[in-house]
Amino acid sequence: MGDHVSHLAYFDVTTLQSLVDPEQFRLDAAALRAGGDDFSDRIAAEHRSLPGEALLAWFQTARAALVDGYRTVDPGRRLPWYGPDMTPASSVTAD
């Protein structure tokens, strides 16, 4: 369960980054992908030691910030992602 929550929290944070700082997102995403296609597993392993309460707080904070970010983004804008760029509507369902 914790791996799923850390996945959601991590990618909520990076999705928000794609909204507010697309160039930095591209750099960070390239660095993450350079370590291999198993980056979801690596992210889970990095956060596995977080206590449940801290993990839940991270997820709640990240999700609230992302929802706020989506409220301000132009729906026609293309957002960078780990694959092809996408619209905000596609981004909402990508995780």
Protein backbone atom coordinates (compact mmCIF):
# COMPACT_ATOMS: atom_id res chain seq x y z
CA MET A 1 0.00 0.00 0.00
CA GLY A 2 2.77 2.45 0.89
CA ASP A 3 4.42 1.99 -2.50
CA HIS A 4 1.19 3.02 -4.20
CA VAL A 5 0.80 6.10 -2.01
CA SER A 6 4.42 7.17 -2.55
CA HIS A 7 3.93 6.69 -6.30
CA LEU A 8 0.90 8.95 -6.27
CA ALA A 9 2.57 11.58 -4.08
CA TYR A 10 5.79 11.63 -6.10
CA PHE A 11 4.05 11.94 -9.44
CA ASP A 12 1.64 14.56 -8.09
CA VAL A 13 4.72 16.63 -7.17
CA THR A 14 6.32 16.13 -10.58
CA THR A 15 3.06 16.78 -12.41
CA LEU A 16 2.78 20.11 -10.60
CA GLN A 17 6.36 20.82 -11.64
CA SER A 18 5.36 20.18 -15.27
CA LEU A 19 2.65 22.82 -14.84
CA VAL A 20 4.74 25.51 -13.17
CA ASP A 21 8.30 24.85 -14.36
CA PRO A 22 8.22 22.76 -17.53
CA GLU A 23 11.89 23.25 -18.37
CA GLN A 24 13.06 22.04 -14.97
CA PHE A 25 10.60 19.15 -15.23
CA ARG A 26 12.20 18.13 -18.54
CA LEU A 27 15.66 18.17 -16.97
CA ASP A 28 14.58 16.21 -13.90
CA ALA A 29 12.59 13.70 -15.96
CA ALA A 30 15.55 13.10 -18.27
CA ALA A 31 17.81 12.48 -15.28
CA LEU A 32 15.31 10.06 -13.77
CA ARG A 33 14.87 8.17 -17.04
CA ALA A 34 18.64 8.03 -17.54
CA GLY A 35 18.78 5.65 -14.57
CA GLY A 36 16.60 3.14 -16.40
CA ASP A 37 12.98 2.40 -17.12
CA ASP A 38 12.45 1.00 -13.62
CA PHE A 39 12.14 4.49 -12.15
CA SER A 40 8.74 3.76 -10.57
CA ASP A 41 10.31 0.91 -8.62
CA ARG A 42 13.27 3.07 -7.64
CA ILE A 43 10.96 5.82 -6.40
CA ALA A 44 8.99 3.33 -4.31
CA ALA A 45 12.20 1.93 -2.81
CA GLU A 46 13.49 5.43 -1.96
CA HIS A 47 10.36 6.24 0.02
CA ARG A 48 9.61 2.85 1.57
CA SER A 49 11.09 3.88 4.92
CA LEU A 50 8.65 6.77 5.40
CA PRO A 51 6.29 6.20 8.30
CA GLY A 52 2.64 5.88 7.31
CA GLU A 53 1.65 9.24 8.80
CA ALA A 54 4.42 11.06 6.94
CA LEU A 55 3.55 9.29 3.70
CA LEU A 56 -0.12 10.23 4.04
CA ALA A 57 0.76 13.85 4.83
CA TRP A 58 3.05 14.01 1.78
CA PHE A 59 0.31 12.63 -0.45
CA GLN A 60 -2.35 14.99 0.93
CA THR A 61 -0.12 18.04 0.53
CA ALA A 62 1.02 17.05 -2.96
CA ARG A 63 -2.52 16.29 -4.14
CA ALA A 64 -3.93 19.58 -2.82
CA ALA A 65 -1.15 21.55 -4.52
CA LEU A 66 -1.69 19.68 -7.79
CA VAL A 67 -5.44 20.30 -7.75
CA ASP A 68 -4.76 24.00 -7.20
CA GLY A 69 -2.26 23.94 -10.07
CA TYR A 70 -4.75 22.37 -12.45
CA ARG A 71 -7.23 25.14 -11.63
CA THR A 72 -4.90 27.75 -13.09
CA VAL A 73 -3.50 26.01 -16.17
CA ASP A 74 -4.69 26.81 -19.68
CA PRO A 75 -6.63 23.72 -20.83
CA GLY A 76 -5.13 24.01 -24.31
CA ARG A 77 -1.55 24.01 -23.11
CA ARG A 78 0.73 21.01 -23.71
CA LEU A 79 2.41 19.70 -20.57
CA PRO A 80 5.68 17.80 -20.61
CA TRP A 81 5.63 14.24 -19.29
CA TYR A 82 7.81 11.16 -19.16
CA GLY A 83 6.41 10.21 -22.54
CA PRO A 84 4.78 12.54 -25.06
CA ASP A 85 3.57 15.98 -23.98
CA MET A 86 -0.13 16.05 -23.18
CA THR A 87 -3.04 18.34 -22.44
CA PRO A 88 -4.07 18.99 -18.85
CA ALA A 89 -7.18 16.82 -19.39
CA SER A 90 -4.97 13.90 -20.39
CA SER A 91 -2.54 14.66 -17.59
CA VAL A 92 -5.29 14.40 -14.95
CA THR A 93 -5.87 10.79 -15.91
CA ALA A 94 -2.23 9.80 -16.66
CA ASP A 95 -1.26 8.57 -13.21
